[in-house]
Amino acid sequence: MSTLADLPPLPALVVGSVHHTRHRPLTHSFTHRHYQWLVDLDDLPRLPRWLRPFAQFRGEDHLAGNNPGIGALKANVRRVLERDDGVGARADSVTRIVMLAHARVLGHTFDPMTAFWCFDADGHLVAVLVEVHNTYGGRHAYVFTPDASGRATTAKEFHVSPFNDVEGDYAIRFHLSPRRVGVSIRLLVDGDPLVTATVSGTPRPASAPVVARTVARHPLMTQRVSGLIRVHGIWLWARRLRVRPRSEASLESVR
């Protein structure tokens, strides 16, 4: 299980790839170059003014979305942990939250998956909160307590893809180290894999030169994520993969 000792220097850019495979009834795989940010919610990047439009963080982009402040986001993470049966009262012990996410790029963001590693004052991992967004504007949060190898499971509760029902279980593995940061997810339906998705990369200290080079090599990252999701969706639809009914869009509640 991760501890604060496993963290790379923050803030960091996690530069690598995203891989996705649909196993059935059609087989479809893709891999794209990709980067995300790994940041401490109490110590966000301080970039030169000319780079700030390419790396903005706003609390409204996550969970309840009820406040643009990052301080409100940290409080919302704790509230989600508090209502979880497995974590509950231990949420009060969380003092440091590290987020793997996309930043806003020129005002736009879309984050299919955001992970929040939540640590106590002794540096031990209390839980990992994973927030999932769909292209309909909905958000949902899952709380995991990974084992020593970073593995955890949970039942699927949220409509993500227009081609999948809300059924099955997620088998997930988290990686957090100075050499590798990532999240791997398998959707199992009736015990067999339906979809596999992995986001993984190497963390690099987010100095101004590193950020500038990364933005130049991977321009309009969040716009590209939004566009590619739709391109691959059209590919599946054109091959007559059945579209499933979906629930109404909603933001993650943090009562």
Protein backbone atom coordinates (compact mmCIF):
# COMPACT_ATOMS: atom_id res chain seq x y z
CA MET A 1 0.00 0.00 0.00
CA SER A 2 1.25 3.48 -0.90
CA THR A 3 2.66 5.92 1.63
CA LEU A 4 3.89 9.49 1.34
CA ALA A 5 7.38 8.05 0.86
CA ASP A 6 6.19 6.69 -2.51
CA LEU A 7 5.42 10.14 -3.88
CA PRO A 8 7.55 11.71 -6.59
CA PRO A 9 8.44 15.40 -6.19
CA LEU A 10 5.28 17.48 -6.58
CA PRO A 11 3.80 19.07 -8.57
CA ALA A 12 4.56 16.68 -11.41
CA LEU A 13 3.50 15.97 -14.95
CA VAL A 14 2.74 12.28 -15.53
CA VAL A 15 3.72 11.76 -19.16
CA GLY A 16 2.88 8.44 -20.78
CA SER A 17 -0.10 6.88 -22.50
CA VAL A 18 -3.72 5.88 -22.18
CA HIS A 19 -4.72 2.42 -23.40
CA HIS A 20 -8.26 1.12 -23.86
CA THR A 21 -9.56 -2.24 -25.05
CA ARG A 22 -13.14 -3.35 -25.61
CA HIS A 23 -13.12 -7.15 -25.53
CA ARG A 24 -16.68 -7.95 -26.69
CA PRO A 25 -18.95 -8.15 -28.62
CA LEU A 26 -16.63 -6.10 -30.85
CA THR A 27 -12.90 -6.01 -30.27
CA HIS A 28 -11.48 -2.50 -30.40
CA SER A 29 -8.20 -1.23 -28.92
CA PHE A 30 -6.31 2.03 -28.98
CA THR A 31 -3.30 3.64 -27.33
CA HIS A 32 -2.64 7.38 -27.32
CA ARG A 33 0.11 9.55 -25.91
CA HIS A 34 -1.12 11.35 -22.86
CA TYR A 35 -0.24 13.43 -19.83
CA GLN A 36 -1.92 14.38 -16.57
CA TRP A 37 -0.95 16.38 -13.51
CA LEU A 38 -0.09 14.95 -10.10
CA VAL A 39 -0.60 17.70 -7.52
CA ASP A 40 -0.98 18.24 -3.80
CA LEU A 41 -4.29 20.05 -3.19
CA ASP A 42 -2.51 22.21 -0.60
CA ASP A 43 0.34 23.16 -2.93
CA LEU A 44 -0.77 23.69 -6.50
CA PRO A 45 1.65 24.59 -9.32
CA ARG A 46 2.99 28.13 -9.43
CA LEU A 47 3.67 28.81 -13.09
CA PRO A 48 4.68 31.92 -15.03
CA ARG A 49 1.72 33.97 -16.22
CA TRP A 50 2.20 32.90 -19.85
CA LEU A 51 1.84 29.22 -18.93
CA ARG A 52 -1.17 29.52 -16.62
CA PRO A 53 -3.80 29.22 -19.38
CA PHE A 54 -2.47 25.70 -20.02
CA ALA A 55 -2.67 24.50 -16.40
CA GLN A 56 -5.63 25.77 -14.38
CA PHE A 57 -7.22 23.85 -11.51
CA ARG A 58 -10.75 24.63 -10.32
CA GLY A 59 -12.76 22.90 -7.61
CA GLU A 60 -15.94 23.12 -9.67
CA ASP A 61 -14.50 20.62 -12.16
CA HIS A 62 -14.80 17.78 -9.63
CA LEU A 63 -17.30 16.12 -7.32
CA ALA A 64 -20.20 18.41 -6.36
CA GLY A 65 -18.84 21.26 -8.47
CA ASN A 66 -20.34 23.79 -6.07
CA ASN A 67 -17.33 26.05 -5.55
CA PRO A 68 -14.38 27.04 -7.77
CA GLY A 69 -11.96 26.97 -4.83
CA ILE A 70 -9.53 24.11 -4.39
CA GLY A 71 -10.09 24.29 -0.62
CA ALA A 72 -13.72 23.36 -1.21
CA LEU A 73 -12.57 20.41 -3.31
CA LYS A 74 -10.47 19.07 -0.45
CA ALA A 75 -13.48 19.35 1.87
CA ASN A 76 -15.66 17.58 -0.69
CA VAL A 77 -13.20 14.69 -0.93
CA ARG A 78 -13.40 14.28 2.85
CA ARG A 79 -17.21 14.32 2.77
CA VAL A 80 -17.29 11.57 0.18
CA LEU A 81 -14.94 9.50 2.36
CA GLU A 82 -17.09 10.14 5.45
CA ARG A 83 -20.18 8.61 3.89
CA ASP A 84 -18.33 5.50 2.71
CA ASP A 85 -19.06 2.41 4.83
CA GLY A 86 -15.48 1.18 4.62
CA VAL A 87 -13.73 4.44 5.52
CA GLY A 88 -16.26 6.45 7.52
CA ALA A 89 -14.76 7.95 10.66
CA ARG A 90 -11.21 7.58 9.35
CA ALA A 91 -11.92 10.43 6.92
CA ASP A 92 -11.16 12.86 9.75
CA SER A 93 -7.57 11.60 9.81
CA VAL A 94 -6.92 12.66 6.21
CA THR A 95 -4.48 15.57 6.15
CA ARG A 96 -2.96 15.38 2.66
CA ILE A 97 -4.67 14.71 -0.67
CA VAL A 98 -2.76 14.12 -3.90
CA MET A 99 -4.75 14.37 -7.14
CA LEU A 100 -4.05 12.82 -10.55
CA ALA A 101 -6.09 14.83 -13.04
CA HIS A 102 -6.22 16.92 -16.16
CA ALA A 103 -5.85 20.65 -15.73
CA ARG A 104 -7.92 23.10 -17.71
CA VAL A 105 -6.28 23.96 -21.02
CA LEU A 106 -7.40 27.30 -22.47
CA GLY A 107 -10.49 27.09 -20.27
CA HIS A 108 -11.51 23.56 -21.30
CA THR A 109 -11.31 20.37 -19.30
CA PHE A 110 -12.64 16.85 -19.49
CA ASP A 111 -11.46 14.24 -17.03
CA PRO A 112 -12.75 10.70 -17.71
CA MET A 113 -10.98 9.56 -14.52
CA THR A 114 -9.52 11.49 -11.60
CA ALA A 115 -7.78 9.79 -8.67
CA PHE A 116 -7.31 11.27 -5.19
CA TRP A 117 -4.80 9.52 -2.88
CA CYS A 118 -5.74 10.43 0.71
CA PHE A 119 -3.06 10.22 3.43
CA ASP A 120 -3.14 10.67 7.19
CA ALA A 121 -0.69 12.70 9.30
CA ASP A 122 1.63 9.69 9.61
CA GLY A 123 1.89 9.39 5.85
CA HIS A 124 -0.24 6.25 5.57
CA LEU A 125 -2.79 5.81 2.81
CA VAL A 126 -6.35 5.98 4.16
CA ALA A 127 -8.18 5.55 0.84
CA VAL A 128 -8.17 6.37 -2.85
CA LEU A 129 -11.16 8.20 -4.27
CA VAL A 130 -11.73 7.73 -8.00
CA GLU A 131 -14.06 10.13 -9.76
CA VAL A 132 -15.50 9.13 -13.13
CA HIS A 133 -17.02 11.57 -15.64
CA ASN A 134 -19.12 10.68 -18.66
CA THR A 135 -19.70 12.73 -21.79
CA TYR A 136 -23.29 13.47 -20.71
CA GLY A 137 -22.15 15.72 -17.86
CA GLY A 138 -22.51 13.17 -15.08
CA ARG A 139 -19.99 12.47 -12.31
CA HIS A 140 -19.64 9.67 -9.80
CA ALA A 141 -17.12 8.87 -7.06
CA TYR A 142 -15.90 5.47 -5.87
CA VAL A 143 -13.90 4.97 -2.67
CA PHE A 144 -11.23 2.25 -2.54
CA THR A 145 -9.01 0.88 0.21
CA PRO A 146 -6.33 -0.90 -1.87
CA ASP A 147 -4.41 -3.91 -0.60
CA ALA A 148 -0.62 -4.01 -0.30
CA SER A 149 -0.27 -4.48 -4.06
CA GLY A 150 -2.55 -1.54 -4.88
CA ARG A 151 -5.52 -3.69 -5.90
CA ALA A 152 -9.20 -3.18 -5.07
CA THR A 153 -12.66 -4.02 -6.44
CA THR A 154 -16.12 -2.49 -6.40
CA ALA A 155 -19.49 -2.88 -8.10
CA LYS A 156 -20.18 -0.59 -11.05
CA GLU A 157 -22.77 2.06 -10.12
CA PHE A 158 -22.59 4.70 -12.85
CA HIS A 159 -23.36 4.92 -16.57
CA VAL A 160 -20.11 5.72 -18.40
CA SER A 161 -20.17 4.41 -21.97
CA PRO A 162 -23.30 4.59 -24.18
CA PHE A 163 -22.51 1.00 -25.18
CA ASN A 164 -22.49 -0.51 -21.66
CA ASP A 165 -25.19 -1.07 -19.06
CA VAL A 166 -24.66 -0.28 -15.39
CA GLU A 167 -23.66 -3.80 -14.47
CA GLY A 168 -20.56 -5.71 -13.48
CA ASP A 169 -17.60 -5.03 -11.22
CA TYR A 170 -14.45 -2.93 -11.49
CA ALA A 171 -11.11 -4.52 -10.69
CA ILE A 172 -8.64 -1.71 -10.23
CA ARG A 173 -4.93 -1.33 -9.51
CA PHE A 174 -3.16 1.84 -8.45
CA HIS A 175 0.51 2.69 -9.02
CA LEU A 176 2.17 5.53 -7.18
CA SER A 177 5.97 5.74 -7.15
CA PRO A 178 8.76 8.08 -8.22
CA ARG A 179 9.11 6.05 -11.43
CA ARG A 180 5.51 5.28 -12.33
CA VAL A 181 2.07 6.70 -11.64
CA GLY A 182 -1.07 5.16 -13.05
CA VAL A 183 -4.46 3.52 -12.68
CA SER A 184 -5.56 0.31 -14.39
CA ILE A 185 -9.25 -0.65 -14.52
CA ARG A 186 -10.99 -3.78 -15.77
CA LEU A 187 -14.77 -3.96 -16.07
CA LEU A 188 -15.85 -7.53 -15.43
CA VAL A 189 -19.34 -8.69 -16.42
CA ASP A 190 -20.28 -12.23 -15.39
CA GLY A 191 -16.64 -12.71 -14.42
CA ASP A 192 -15.23 -11.96 -17.87
CA PRO A 193 -13.51 -8.73 -18.97
CA LEU A 194 -15.66 -6.38 -21.04
CA VAL A 195 -13.43 -3.29 -21.04
CA THR A 196 -9.85 -2.66 -19.91
CA ALA A 197 -8.46 0.85 -19.48
CA THR A 198 -5.04 1.97 -18.27
CA VAL A 199 -3.55 5.41 -17.72
CA SER A 200 0.14 5.29 -16.88
CA GLY A 201 3.23 7.43 -17.14
CA THR A 202 6.49 8.69 -15.70
CA PRO A 203 6.29 11.62 -13.27
CA ARG A 204 8.43 14.62 -14.14
CA PRO A 205 8.89 17.69 -11.88
CA ALA A 206 6.61 20.40 -13.27
CA SER A 207 9.17 23.13 -13.78
CA ALA A 208 8.27 25.85 -16.29
CA PRO A 209 10.57 24.40 -19.02
CA VAL A 210 9.13 20.88 -18.56
CA VAL A 211 5.57 22.18 -18.69
CA ALA A 212 6.30 24.27 -21.79
CA ARG A 213 7.89 21.32 -23.62
CA THR A 214 5.08 18.95 -22.65
CA VAL A 215 2.36 21.37 -23.73
CA ALA A 216 4.17 21.90 -27.05
CA ARG A 217 4.49 18.15 -27.67
CA HIS A 218 0.92 17.38 -26.56
CA PRO A 219 -1.07 20.51 -27.44
CA LEU A 220 -4.70 20.94 -26.37
CA MET A 221 -4.59 17.80 -24.24
CA THR A 222 -8.10 17.99 -22.78
CA GLN A 223 -9.65 19.01 -26.10
CA ARG A 224 -7.91 16.01 -27.64
CA VAL A 225 -9.30 13.68 -24.95
CA SER A 226 -12.85 14.92 -25.62
CA GLY A 227 -12.43 14.58 -29.37
CA LEU A 228 -10.91 11.10 -29.32
CA ILE A 229 -13.66 9.74 -27.06
CA ARG A 230 -16.21 10.83 -29.65
CA VAL A 231 -14.18 9.52 -32.58
CA HIS A 232 -13.92 6.04 -31.04
CA GLY A 233 -17.60 6.17 -30.08
CA ILE A 234 -18.58 6.91 -33.67
CA TRP A 235 -16.37 4.01 -34.83
CA LEU A 236 -18.29 1.62 -32.55
CA TRP A 237 -21.69 3.08 -33.46
CA ALA A 238 -20.90 2.78 -37.19
CA ARG A 239 -20.29 -0.93 -36.62
CA ARG A 240 -23.74 -1.17 -35.03
CA LEU A 241 -22.73 -1.76 -31.46
CA ARG A 242 -25.99 -1.30 -29.57
CA VAL A 243 -26.49 1.95 -27.64
CA ARG A 244 -27.87 1.33 -24.14
CA PRO A 245 -30.39 3.52 -22.26
CA ARG A 246 -28.79 5.90 -19.79
CA SER A 247 -29.81 7.65 -16.60
CA GLU A 248 -30.10 11.43 -16.29
CA ALA A 249 -26.88 13.40 -15.90
CA SER A 250 -26.08 14.46 -12.36
CA LEU A 251 -23.20 15.81 -10.33
CA GLU A 252 -21.70 13.77 -7.50
CA SER A 253 -23.61 14.64 -4.31
CA VAL A 254 -21.54 15.48 -1.23
CA ARG A 255 -24.25 16.00 1.39
